[in-house]
Amino acid sequence: RNASVPYGLNTPEEPNISSTRWRIVVDHKRLLYFFESAL
């Protein structure tokens, strides 16, 4: 989350920077796949 970009952020002078839409976390040992949407 700390490395994410606020949802809806628009930086006209740097159009390649985009909002974070979702995040995924994989627990390899327990074989759990976590999903988190910004919305």
PDB file of all heavy atoms in Angstrom:
ATOM      1  N   ARG A   1       0.835  -1.208   0.000  1.00  0.00           N
ATOM      2  CA  ARG A   1       0.000   0.000   0.000  1.00  0.00           C
ATOM      3  C   ARG A   1       0.866   1.254   0.000  1.00  0.00           C
ATOM      4  O   ARG A   1       0.536   2.252  -0.637  1.00  0.00           O
ATOM      5  CB  ARG A   1      -0.935  -0.015   1.203  1.00  0.00           C
ATOM      6  CG  ARG A   1      -2.059  -1.055   1.090  1.00  0.00           C
ATOM      7  CD  ARG A   1      -2.758  -1.274   2.419  1.00  0.00           C
ATOM      8  NE  ARG A   1      -3.774  -2.325   2.335  1.00  0.00           N
ATOM      9  CZ  ARG A   1      -4.164  -3.058   3.368  1.00  0.00           C
ATOM     10  NH1 ARG A   1      -3.628  -2.869   4.569  1.00  0.00           N
ATOM     11  NH2 ARG A   1      -5.088  -3.995   3.209  1.00  0.00           N
ATOM     12  N   ASN A   2       1.989   1.187   0.713  1.00  0.00           N
ATOM     13  CA  ASN A   2       2.909   2.324   0.748  1.00  0.00           C
ATOM     14  C   ASN A   2       3.496   2.621  -0.631  1.00  0.00           C
ATOM     15  O   ASN A   2       3.807   3.772  -0.956  1.00  0.00           O
ATOM     16  CB  ASN A   2       4.034   2.041   1.750  1.00  0.00           C
ATOM     17  CG  ASN A   2       5.049   3.151   1.849  1.00  0.00           C
ATOM     18  OD1 ASN A   2       5.954   3.244   1.021  1.00  0.00           O
ATOM     19  ND2 ASN A   2       4.900   3.990   2.858  1.00  0.00           N
ATOM     20  N   ALA A   3       3.637   1.575  -1.456  1.00  0.00           N
ATOM     21  CA  ALA A   3       4.194   1.744  -2.801  1.00  0.00           C
ATOM     22  C   ALA A   3       3.118   1.986  -3.852  1.00  0.00           C
ATOM     23  O   ALA A   3       3.410   2.025  -5.049  1.00  0.00           O
ATOM     24  CB  ALA A   3       5.007   0.504  -3.177  1.00  0.00           C
ATOM     25  N   SER A   4       1.875   2.151  -3.425  1.00  0.00           N
ATOM     26  CA  SER A   4       0.766   2.351  -4.360  1.00  0.00           C
ATOM     27  C   SER A   4       0.576   3.830  -4.680  1.00  0.00           C
ATOM     28  O   SER A   4       1.081   4.711  -3.981  1.00  0.00           O
ATOM     29  CB  SER A   4      -0.529   1.779  -3.761  1.00  0.00           C
ATOM     30  OG  SER A   4      -0.426   0.381  -3.575  1.00  0.00           O
ATOM     31  N   VAL A   5      -0.184   4.073  -5.753  1.00  0.00           N
ATOM     32  CA  VAL A   5      -0.489   5.433  -6.207  1.00  0.00           C
ATOM     33  C   VAL A   5      -1.954   5.729  -5.880  1.00  0.00           C
ATOM     34  O   VAL A   5      -2.828   4.915  -6.189  1.00  0.00           O
ATOM     35  CB  VAL A   5      -0.245   5.569  -7.726  1.00  0.00           C
ATOM     36  CG1 VAL A   5      -0.543   6.992  -8.192  1.00  0.00           C
ATOM     37  CG2 VAL A   5       1.194   5.180  -8.065  1.00  0.00           C
ATOM     38  N   PRO A   6      -2.260   6.843  -5.235  1.00  0.00           N
ATOM     39  CA  PRO A   6      -3.649   7.144  -4.854  1.00  0.00           C
ATOM     40  C   PRO A   6      -4.611   7.026  -6.027  1.00  0.00           C
ATOM     41  O   PRO A   6      -4.302   7.459  -7.149  1.00  0.00           O
ATOM     42  CB  PRO A   6      -3.571   8.585  -4.339  1.00  0.00           C
ATOM     43  CG  PRO A   6      -2.167   8.729  -3.848  1.00  0.00           C
ATOM     44  CD  PRO A   6      -1.333   7.912  -4.788  1.00  0.00           C
ATOM     45  N   TYR A   7      -5.775   6.450  -5.750  1.00  0.00           N
ATOM     46  CA  TYR A   7      -6.756   6.234  -6.810  1.00  0.00           C
ATOM     47  C   TYR A   7      -7.239   7.567  -7.366  1.00  0.00           C
ATOM     48  O   TYR A   7      -7.572   8.491  -6.618  1.00  0.00           O
ATOM     49  CB  TYR A   7      -7.954   5.435  -6.292  1.00  0.00           C
ATOM     50  CG  TYR A   7      -8.891   5.023  -7.405  1.00  0.00           C
ATOM     51  CD1 TYR A   7      -8.607   3.919  -8.196  1.00  0.00           C
ATOM     52  CD2 TYR A   7     -10.035   5.765  -7.693  1.00  0.00           C
ATOM     53  CE1 TYR A   7      -9.432   3.542  -9.236  1.00  0.00           C
ATOM     54  CE2 TYR A   7     -10.879   5.398  -8.728  1.00  0.00           C
ATOM     55  CZ  TYR A   7     -10.570   4.286  -9.500  1.00  0.00           C
ATOM     56  OH  TYR A   7     -11.387   3.929 -10.538  1.00  0.00           O
ATOM     57  N   GLY A   8      -7.268   7.657  -8.700  1.00  0.00           N
ATOM     58  CA  GLY A   8      -7.740   8.858  -9.372  1.00  0.00           C
ATOM     59  C   GLY A   8      -6.684   9.914  -9.588  1.00  0.00           C
ATOM     60  O   GLY A   8      -6.952  10.936 -10.223  1.00  0.00           O
ATOM     61  N   LEU A   9      -5.456   9.664  -9.085  1.00  0.00           N
ATOM     62  CA  LEU A   9      -4.402  10.659  -9.249  1.00  0.00           C
ATOM     63  C   LEU A   9      -4.045  10.823 -10.717  1.00  0.00           C
ATOM     64  O   LEU A   9      -3.821   9.847 -11.430  1.00  0.00           O
ATOM     65  CB  LEU A   9      -3.160  10.245  -8.468  1.00  0.00           C
ATOM     66  CG  LEU A   9      -1.980  11.227  -8.540  1.00  0.00           C
ATOM     67  CD1 LEU A   9      -2.319  12.515  -7.807  1.00  0.00           C
ATOM     68  CD2 LEU A   9      -0.723  10.601  -7.947  1.00  0.00           C
ATOM     69  N   ASN A  10      -3.985  12.059 -11.165  1.00  0.00           N
ATOM     70  CA  ASN A  10      -3.609  12.366 -12.539  1.00  0.00           C
ATOM     71  C   ASN A  10      -2.527  13.419 -12.512  1.00  0.00           C
ATOM     72  O   ASN A  10      -2.714  14.505 -11.946  1.00  0.00           O
ATOM     73  CB  ASN A  10      -4.827  12.880 -13.319  1.00  0.00           C
ATOM     74  CG  ASN A  10      -4.470  13.202 -14.772  1.00  0.00           C
ATOM     75  OD1 ASN A  10      -3.532  12.638 -15.314  1.00  0.00           O
ATOM     76  ND2 ASN A  10      -5.220  14.108 -15.376  1.00  0.00           N
ATOM     77  N   THR A  11      -1.378  13.090 -13.075  1.00  0.00           N
ATOM     78  CA  THR A  11      -0.260  14.023 -13.127  1.00  0.00           C
ATOM     79  C   THR A  11      -0.014  14.389 -14.586  1.00  0.00           C
ATOM     80  O   THR A  11       0.674  13.671 -15.315  1.00  0.00           O
ATOM     81  CB  THR A  11       1.012  13.381 -12.515  1.00  0.00           C
ATOM     82  OG1 THR A  11       0.681  12.822 -11.245  1.00  0.00           O
ATOM     83  CG2 THR A  11       2.108  14.409 -12.350  1.00  0.00           C
ATOM     84  N   PRO A  12      -0.594  15.511 -15.072  1.00  0.00           N
ATOM     85  CA  PRO A  12      -0.533  15.838 -16.497  1.00  0.00           C
ATOM     86  C   PRO A  12       0.885  15.888 -17.060  1.00  0.00           C
ATOM     87  O   PRO A  12       1.139  15.463 -18.192  1.00  0.00           O
ATOM     88  CB  PRO A  12      -1.217  17.212 -16.563  1.00  0.00           C
ATOM     89  CG  PRO A  12      -2.121  17.238 -15.383  1.00  0.00           C
ATOM     90  CD  PRO A  12      -1.385  16.491 -14.306  1.00  0.00           C
ATOM     91  N   GLU A  13       1.842  16.405 -16.244  1.00  0.00           N
ATOM     92  CA  GLU A  13       3.209  16.526 -16.767  1.00  0.00           C
ATOM     93  C   GLU A  13       3.928  15.179 -16.803  1.00  0.00           C
ATOM     94  O   GLU A  13       4.999  15.060 -17.400  1.00  0.00           O
ATOM     95  CB  GLU A  13       4.011  17.534 -15.931  1.00  0.00           C
ATOM     96  CG  GLU A  13       4.246  17.139 -14.489  1.00  0.00           C
ATOM     97  CD  GLU A  13       3.110  17.572 -13.564  1.00  0.00           C
ATOM     98  OE1 GLU A  13       2.004  17.866 -14.074  1.00  0.00           O
ATOM     99  OE2 GLU A  13       3.335  17.603 -12.349  1.00  0.00           O
ATOM    100  N   GLU A  14       3.364  14.150 -16.165  1.00  0.00           N
ATOM    101  CA  GLU A  14       3.942  12.807 -16.202  1.00  0.00           C
ATOM    102  C   GLU A  14       2.813  11.808 -16.444  1.00  0.00           C
ATOM    103  O   GLU A  14       2.389  11.082 -15.545  1.00  0.00           O
ATOM    104  CB  GLU A  14       4.675  12.497 -14.895  1.00  0.00           C
ATOM    105  CG  GLU A  14       5.878  13.401 -14.670  1.00  0.00           C
ATOM    106  CD  GLU A  14       6.745  12.912 -13.527  1.00  0.00           C
ATOM    107  OE1 GLU A  14       7.162  11.732 -13.581  1.00  0.00           O
ATOM    108  OE2 GLU A  14       7.015  13.675 -12.615  1.00  0.00           O
ATOM    109  N   PRO A  15       2.325  11.726 -17.681  1.00  0.00           N
ATOM    110  CA  PRO A  15       1.147  10.903 -17.973  1.00  0.00           C
ATOM    111  C   PRO A  15       1.341   9.420 -17.759  1.00  0.00           C
ATOM    112  O   PRO A  15       0.375   8.668 -17.701  1.00  0.00           O
ATOM    113  CB  PRO A  15       0.874  11.212 -19.457  1.00  0.00           C
ATOM    114  CG  PRO A  15       2.191  11.669 -20.000  1.00  0.00           C
ATOM    115  CD  PRO A  15       2.862  12.390 -18.876  1.00  0.00           C
ATOM    116  N   ASN A  16       2.598   8.961 -17.631  1.00  0.00           N
ATOM    117  CA  ASN A  16       2.828   7.532 -17.451  1.00  0.00           C
ATOM    118  C   ASN A  16       2.638   7.056 -16.013  1.00  0.00           C
ATOM    119  O   ASN A  16       2.676   5.866 -15.744  1.00  0.00           O
ATOM    120  CB  ASN A  16       4.240   7.154 -17.923  1.00  0.00           C
ATOM    121  CG  ASN A  16       4.355   7.189 -19.434  1.00  0.00           C
ATOM    122  OD1 ASN A  16       3.390   6.948 -20.129  1.00  0.00           O
ATOM    123  ND2 ASN A  16       5.530   7.504 -19.926  1.00  0.00           N
ATOM    124  N   ILE A  17       2.486   7.989 -15.060  1.00  0.00           N
ATOM    125  CA  ILE A  17       2.199   7.603 -13.687  1.00  0.00           C
ATOM    126  C   ILE A  17       0.706   7.390 -13.555  1.00  0.00           C
ATOM    127  O   ILE A  17      -0.090   8.280 -13.841  1.00  0.00           O
ATOM    128  CB  ILE A  17       2.701   8.659 -12.691  1.00  0.00           C
ATOM    129  CG1 ILE A  17       4.232   8.716 -12.715  1.00  0.00           C
ATOM    130  CG2 ILE A  17       2.212   8.345 -11.281  1.00  0.00           C
ATOM    131  CD1 ILE A  17       4.829   9.723 -11.761  1.00  0.00           C
ATOM    132  N   SER A  18       0.297   6.209 -13.118  1.00  0.00           N
ATOM    133  CA  SER A  18      -1.109   5.813 -13.119  1.00  0.00           C
ATOM    134  C   SER A  18      -1.559   5.398 -11.732  1.00  0.00           C
ATOM    135  O   SER A  18      -0.760   5.016 -10.885  1.00  0.00           O
ATOM    136  CB  SER A  18      -1.330   4.649 -14.095  1.00  0.00           C
ATOM    137  OG  SER A  18      -0.845   4.964 -15.377  1.00  0.00           O
ATOM    138  N   SER A  19      -2.873   5.443 -11.517  1.00  0.00           N
ATOM    139  CA  SER A  19      -3.457   5.044 -10.238  1.00  0.00           C
ATOM    140  C   SER A  19      -3.304   3.542 -10.006  1.00  0.00           C
ATOM    141  O   SER A  19      -3.336   2.748 -10.948  1.00  0.00           O
ATOM    142  CB  SER A  19      -4.949   5.380 -10.216  1.00  0.00           C
ATOM    143  OG  SER A  19      -5.165   6.757 -10.398  1.00  0.00           O
ATOM    144  N   THR A  20      -3.164   3.164  -8.742  1.00  0.00           N
ATOM    145  CA  THR A  20      -3.210   1.750  -8.383  1.00  0.00           C
ATOM    146  C   THR A  20      -4.660   1.285  -8.426  1.00  0.00           C
ATOM    147  O   THR A  20      -5.520   1.847  -7.756  1.00  0.00           O
ATOM    148  CB  THR A  20      -2.628   1.508  -6.989  1.00  0.00           C
ATOM    149  OG1 THR A  20      -1.242   1.875  -6.992  1.00  0.00           O
ATOM    150  CG2 THR A  20      -2.753   0.039  -6.585  1.00  0.00           C
ATOM    151  N   ARG A  21      -4.928   0.245  -9.204  1.00  0.00           N
ATOM    152  CA  ARG A  21      -6.294  -0.270  -9.359  1.00  0.00           C
ATOM    153  C   ARG A  21      -6.545  -1.486  -8.475  1.00  0.00           C
ATOM    154  O   ARG A  21      -7.651  -1.668  -7.989  1.00  0.00           O
ATOM    155  CB  ARG A  21      -6.560  -0.604 -10.829  1.00  0.00           C
ATOM    156  CG  ARG A  21      -6.513   0.666 -11.673  1.00  0.00           C
ATOM    157  CD  ARG A  21      -7.019   0.513 -13.065  1.00  0.00           C
ATOM    158  NE  ARG A  21      -7.257   1.858 -13.591  1.00  0.00           N
ATOM    159  CZ  ARG A  21      -8.403   2.504 -13.539  1.00  0.00           C
ATOM    160  NH1 ARG A  21      -9.452   1.919 -12.999  1.00  0.00           N
ATOM    161  NH2 ARG A  21      -8.523   3.716 -14.007  1.00  0.00           N
ATOM    162  N   TRP A  22      -5.533  -2.335  -8.309  1.00  0.00           N
ATOM    163  CA  TRP A  22      -5.674  -3.473  -7.401  1.00  0.00           C
ATOM    164  C   TRP A  22      -4.312  -3.936  -6.912  1.00  0.00           C
ATOM    165  O   TRP A  22      -3.282  -3.570  -7.464  1.00  0.00           O
ATOM    166  CB  TRP A  22      -6.450  -4.622  -8.022  1.00  0.00           C
ATOM    167  CG  TRP A  22      -6.112  -5.077  -9.428  1.00  0.00           C
ATOM    168  CD1 TRP A  22      -6.806  -4.802 -10.566  1.00  0.00           C
ATOM    169  CD2 TRP A  22      -5.019  -5.934  -9.839  1.00  0.00           C
ATOM    170  NE1 TRP A  22      -6.224  -5.417 -11.648  1.00  0.00           N
ATOM    171  CE2 TRP A  22      -5.131  -6.126 -11.227  1.00  0.00           C
ATOM    172  CE3 TRP A  22      -3.980  -6.558  -9.161  1.00  0.00           C
ATOM    173  CZ2 TRP A  22      -4.226  -6.897 -11.968  1.00  0.00           C
ATOM    174  CZ3 TRP A  22      -3.068  -7.325  -9.873  1.00  0.00           C
ATOM    175  CH2 TRP A  22      -3.202  -7.491 -11.264  1.00  0.00           C
ATOM    176  N   ARG A  23      -4.364  -4.721  -5.837  1.00  0.00           N
ATOM    177  CA  ARG A  23      -3.164  -5.307  -5.243  1.00  0.00           C
ATOM    178  C   ARG A  23      -3.398  -6.792  -5.022  1.00  0.00           C
ATOM    179  O   ARG A  23      -4.516  -7.213  -4.687  1.00  0.00           O
ATOM    180  CB  ARG A  23      -2.838  -4.624  -3.909  1.00  0.00           C
ATOM    181  CG  ARG A  23      -2.302  -3.216  -4.037  1.00  0.00           C
ATOM    182  CD  ARG A  23      -2.198  -2.523  -2.682  1.00  0.00           C
ATOM    183  NE  ARG A  23      -3.506  -2.108  -2.215  1.00  0.00           N
ATOM    184  CZ  ARG A  23      -4.039  -0.896  -2.429  1.00  0.00           C
ATOM    185  NH1 ARG A  23      -3.359   0.006  -3.116  1.00  0.00           N
ATOM    186  NH2 ARG A  23      -5.232  -0.585  -1.962  1.00  0.00           N
ATOM    187  N   ILE A  24      -2.344  -7.571  -5.195  1.00  0.00           N
ATOM    188  CA  ILE A  24      -2.390  -9.018  -4.955  1.00  0.00           C
ATOM    189  C   ILE A  24      -1.257  -9.395  -4.018  1.00  0.00           C
ATOM    190  O   ILE A  24      -0.129  -8.898  -4.160  1.00  0.00           O
ATOM    191  CB  ILE A  24      -2.288  -9.806  -6.268  1.00  0.00           C
ATOM    192  CG1 ILE A  24      -3.612  -9.733  -7.050  1.00  0.00           C
ATOM    193  CG2 ILE A  24      -1.906 -11.268  -6.016  1.00  0.00           C
ATOM    194  CD1 ILE A  24      -3.551 -10.315  -8.434  1.00  0.00           C
ATOM    195  N   VAL A  25      -1.549 -10.259  -3.045  1.00  0.00           N
ATOM    196  CA  VAL A  25      -0.539 -10.787  -2.134  1.00  0.00           C
ATOM    197  C   VAL A  25      -0.651 -12.313  -2.143  1.00  0.00           C
ATOM    198  O   VAL A  25      -1.740 -12.859  -1.960  1.00  0.00           O
ATOM    199  CB  VAL A  25      -0.724 -10.239  -0.706  1.00  0.00           C
ATOM    200  CG1 VAL A  25       0.239 -10.919   0.252  1.00  0.00           C
ATOM    201  CG2 VAL A  25      -0.503  -8.721  -0.685  1.00  0.00           C
ATOM    202  N   VAL A  26       0.464 -12.996  -2.359  1.00  0.00           N
ATOM    203  CA  VAL A  26       0.506 -14.457  -2.443  1.00  0.00           C
ATOM    204  C   VAL A  26       1.240 -15.018  -1.232  1.00  0.00           C
ATOM    205  O   VAL A  26       2.406 -14.688  -0.998  1.00  0.00           O
ATOM    206  CB  VAL A  26       1.208 -14.928  -3.733  1.00  0.00           C
ATOM    207  CG1 VAL A  26       1.319 -16.449  -3.750  1.00  0.00           C
ATOM    208  CG2 VAL A  26       0.472 -14.426  -4.961  1.00  0.00           C
ATOM    209  N   ASP A  27       0.553 -15.830  -0.455  1.00  0.00           N
ATOM    210  CA  ASP A  27       1.162 -16.569   0.647  1.00  0.00           C
ATOM    211  C   ASP A  27       1.574 -17.930   0.083  1.00  0.00           C
ATOM    212  O   ASP A  27       0.747 -18.827  -0.089  1.00  0.00           O
ATOM    213  CB  ASP A  27       0.143 -16.724   1.785  1.00  0.00           C
ATOM    214  CG  ASP A  27       0.711 -17.403   3.029  1.00  0.00           C
ATOM    215  OD1 ASP A  27       1.588 -18.276   2.879  1.00  0.00           O
ATOM    216  OD2 ASP A  27       0.266 -17.073   4.138  1.00  0.00           O
ATOM    217  N   HIS A  28       2.855 -18.074  -0.233  1.00  0.00           N
ATOM    218  CA  HIS A  28       3.341 -19.285  -0.910  1.00  0.00           C
ATOM    219  C   HIS A  28       3.201 -20.527  -0.042  1.00  0.00           C
ATOM    220  O   HIS A  28       2.899 -21.612  -0.555  1.00  0.00           O
ATOM    221  CB  HIS A  28       4.820 -19.117  -1.300  1.00  0.00           C
ATOM    222  CG  HIS A  28       5.072 -18.087  -2.346  1.00  0.00           C
ATOM    223  ND1 HIS A  28       5.250 -18.401  -3.674  1.00  0.00           N
ATOM    224  CD2 HIS A  28       5.180 -16.744  -2.264  1.00  0.00           C
ATOM    225  CE1 HIS A  28       5.472 -17.294  -4.364  1.00  0.00           C
ATOM    226  NE2 HIS A  28       5.432 -16.275  -3.522  1.00  0.00           N
ATOM    227  N   LYS A  29       3.434 -20.400   1.243  1.00  0.00           N
ATOM    228  CA  LYS A  29       3.416 -21.557   2.136  1.00  0.00           C
ATOM    229  C   LYS A  29       2.000 -22.089   2.326  1.00  0.00           C
ATOM    230  O   LYS A  29       1.760 -23.304   2.271  1.00  0.00           O
ATOM    231  CB  LYS A  29       4.033 -21.183   3.483  1.00  0.00           C
ATOM    232  CG  LYS A  29       4.153 -22.359   4.447  1.00  0.00           C
ATOM    233  CD  LYS A  29       4.877 -21.946   5.725  1.00  0.00           C
ATOM    234  CE  LYS A  29       5.061 -23.120   6.665  1.00  0.00           C
ATOM    235  NZ  LYS A  29       5.794 -22.724   7.894  1.00  0.00           N
ATOM    236  N   ARG A  30       1.049 -21.189   2.536  1.00  0.00           N
ATOM    237  CA  ARG A  30      -0.333 -21.606   2.787  1.00  0.00           C
ATOM    238  C   ARG A  30      -1.176 -21.664   1.519  1.00  0.00           C
ATOM    239  O   ARG A  30      -2.362 -22.010   1.563  1.00  0.00           O
ATOM    240  CB  ARG A  30      -0.975 -20.667   3.814  1.00  0.00           C
ATOM    241  CG  ARG A  30      -0.314 -20.739   5.179  1.00  0.00           C
ATOM    242  CD  ARG A  30      -1.099 -19.981   6.229  1.00  0.00           C
ATOM    243  NE  ARG A  30      -1.050 -18.537   6.010  1.00  0.00           N
ATOM    244  CZ  ARG A  30      -1.731 -17.635   6.734  1.00  0.00           C
ATOM    245  NH1 ARG A  30      -2.547 -18.068   7.701  1.00  0.00           N
ATOM    246  NH2 ARG A  30      -1.612 -16.354   6.493  1.00  0.00           N
ATOM    247  N   LEU A  31      -0.566 -21.308   0.382  1.00  0.00           N
ATOM    248  CA  LEU A  31      -1.248 -21.318  -0.914  1.00  0.00           C
ATOM    249  C   LEU A  31      -2.537 -20.494  -0.875  1.00  0.00           C
ATOM    250  O   LEU A  31      -3.609 -20.952  -1.287  1.00  0.00           O
ATOM    251  CB  LEU A  31      -1.518 -22.745  -1.388  1.00  0.00           C
ATOM    252  CG  LEU A  31      -0.283 -23.552  -1.817  1.00  0.00           C
ATOM    253  CD1 LEU A  31      -0.684 -24.978  -2.194  1.00  0.00           C
ATOM    254  CD2 LEU A  31       0.438 -22.886  -2.988  1.00  0.00           C
ATOM    255  N   LEU A  32      -2.391 -19.260  -0.403  1.00  0.00           N
ATOM    256  CA  LEU A  32      -3.496 -18.311  -0.368  1.00  0.00           C
ATOM    257  C   LEU A  32      -3.185 -17.150  -1.298  1.00  0.00           C
ATOM    258  O   LEU A  32      -2.059 -16.650  -1.337  1.00  0.00           O
ATOM    259  CB  LEU A  32      -3.713 -17.785   1.060  1.00  0.00           C
ATOM    260  CG  LEU A  32      -4.064 -18.825   2.127  1.00  0.00           C
ATOM    261  CD1 LEU A  32      -4.137 -18.170   3.494  1.00  0.00           C
ATOM    262  CD2 LEU A  32      -5.384 -19.523   1.796  1.00  0.00           C
ATOM    263  N   TYR A  33      -4.202 -16.719  -2.039  1.00  0.00           N
ATOM    264  CA  TYR A  33      -4.053 -15.661  -3.039  1.00  0.00           C
ATOM    265  C   TYR A  33      -5.015 -14.538  -2.648  1.00  0.00           C
ATOM    266  O   TYR A  33      -6.227 -14.678  -2.771  1.00  0.00           O
ATOM    267  CB  TYR A  33      -4.397 -16.228  -4.418  1.00  0.00           C
ATOM    268  CG  TYR A  33      -4.034 -15.387  -5.620  1.00  0.00           C
ATOM    269  CD1 TYR A  33      -2.728 -15.350  -6.091  1.00  0.00           C
ATOM    270  CD2 TYR A  33      -5.008 -14.669  -6.315  1.00  0.00           C
ATOM    271  CE1 TYR A  33      -2.398 -14.621  -7.226  1.00  0.00           C
ATOM    272  CE2 TYR A  33      -4.684 -13.945  -7.450  1.00  0.00           C
ATOM    273  CZ  TYR A  33      -3.378 -13.918  -7.905  1.00  0.00           C
ATOM    274  OH  TYR A  33      -3.061 -13.200  -9.038  1.00  0.00           O
ATOM    275  N   PHE A  34      -4.468 -13.442  -2.139  1.00  0.00           N
ATOM    276  CA  PHE A  34      -5.269 -12.326  -1.653  1.00  0.00           C
ATOM    277  C   PHE A  34      -5.440 -11.268  -2.740  1.00  0.00           C
ATOM    278  O   PHE A  34      -4.487 -10.961  -3.469  1.00  0.00           O
ATOM    279  CB  PHE A  34      -4.603 -11.683  -0.435  1.00  0.00           C
ATOM    280  CG  PHE A  34      -4.570 -12.566   0.782  1.00  0.00           C
ATOM    281  CD1 PHE A  34      -3.576 -13.523   0.935  1.00  0.00           C
ATOM    282  CD2 PHE A  34      -5.527 -12.454   1.772  1.00  0.00           C
ATOM    283  CE1 PHE A  34      -3.533 -14.341   2.055  1.00  0.00           C
ATOM    284  CE2 PHE A  34      -5.499 -13.266   2.891  1.00  0.00           C
ATOM    285  CZ  PHE A  34      -4.504 -14.208   3.026  1.00  0.00           C
ATOM    286  N   PHE A  35      -6.646 -10.713  -2.821  1.00  0.00           N
ATOM    287  CA  PHE A  35      -6.933  -9.678  -3.820  1.00  0.00           C
ATOM    288  C   PHE A  35      -7.581  -8.489  -3.123  1.00  0.00           C
ATOM    289  O   PHE A  35      -8.493  -8.650  -2.313  1.00  0.00           O
ATOM    290  CB  PHE A  35      -7.867 -10.204  -4.910  1.00  0.00           C
ATOM    291  CG  PHE A  35      -8.052  -9.259  -6.066  1.00  0.00           C
ATOM    292  CD1 PHE A  35      -7.235  -9.351  -7.179  1.00  0.00           C
ATOM    293  CD2 PHE A  35      -9.025  -8.263  -6.028  1.00  0.00           C
ATOM    294  CE1 PHE A  35      -7.388  -8.473  -8.245  1.00  0.00           C
ATOM    295  CE2 PHE A  35      -9.192  -7.385  -7.090  1.00  0.00           C
ATOM    296  CZ  PHE A  35      -8.367  -7.492  -8.203  1.00  0.00           C
ATOM    297  N   GLU A  36      -7.118  -7.299  -3.483  1.00  0.00           N
ATOM    298  CA  GLU A  36      -7.656  -6.064  -2.906  1.00  0.00           C
ATOM    299  C   GLU A  36      -7.847  -5.035  -4.023  1.00  0.00           C
ATOM    300  O   GLU A  36      -6.884  -4.623  -4.665  1.00  0.00           O
ATOM    301  CB  GLU A  36      -6.701  -5.518  -1.851  1.00  0.00           C
ATOM    302  CG  GLU A  36      -7.173  -4.246  -1.167  1.00  0.00           C
ATOM    303  CD  GLU A  36      -6.201  -3.797  -0.101  1.00  0.00           C
ATOM    304  OE1 GLU A  36      -5.109  -3.292  -0.457  1.00  0.00           O
ATOM    305  OE2 GLU A  36      -6.522  -3.949   1.097  1.00  0.00           O
ATOM    306  N   SER A  37      -9.083  -4.635  -4.259  1.00  0.00           N
ATOM    307  CA  SER A  37      -9.388  -3.607  -5.254  1.00  0.00           C
ATOM    308  C   SER A  37      -9.418  -2.240  -4.586  1.00  0.00           C
ATOM    309  O   SER A  37      -9.833  -2.107  -3.425  1.00  0.00           O
ATOM    310  CB  SER A  37     -10.741  -3.890  -5.912  1.00  0.00           C
ATOM    311  OG  SER A  37     -11.151  -2.779  -6.707  1.00  0.00           O
ATOM    312  N   ALA A  38      -9.020  -1.219  -5.322  1.00  0.00           N
ATOM    313  CA  ALA A  38      -9.082   0.146  -4.793  1.00  0.00           C
ATOM    314  C   ALA A  38     -10.515   0.619  -4.605  1.00  0.00           C
ATOM    315  O   ALA A  38     -10.762   1.585  -3.874  1.00  0.00           O
ATOM    316  CB  ALA A  38      -8.339   1.099  -5.736  1.00  0.00           C
ATOM    317  N   LEU A  39     -11.475  -0.047  -5.252  1.00  0.00           N
ATOM    318  CA  LEU A  39     -12.857   0.421  -5.238  1.00  0.00           C
ATOM    319  C   LEU A  39     -13.775  -0.380  -4.323  1.00  0.00           C
ATOM    320  O   LEU A  39     -14.987  -0.149  -4.315  1.00  0.00           O
ATOM    321  CB  LEU A  39     -13.428   0.417  -6.662  1.00  0.00           C
ATOM    322  CG  LEU A  39     -12.848   1.445  -7.623  1.00  0.00           C
ATOM    323  CD1 LEU A  39     -13.566   1.379  -8.961  1.00  0.00           C
ATOM    324  CD2 LEU A  39     -12.934   2.852  -7.051  1.00  0.00           C
TER     325      LEU A  39
END
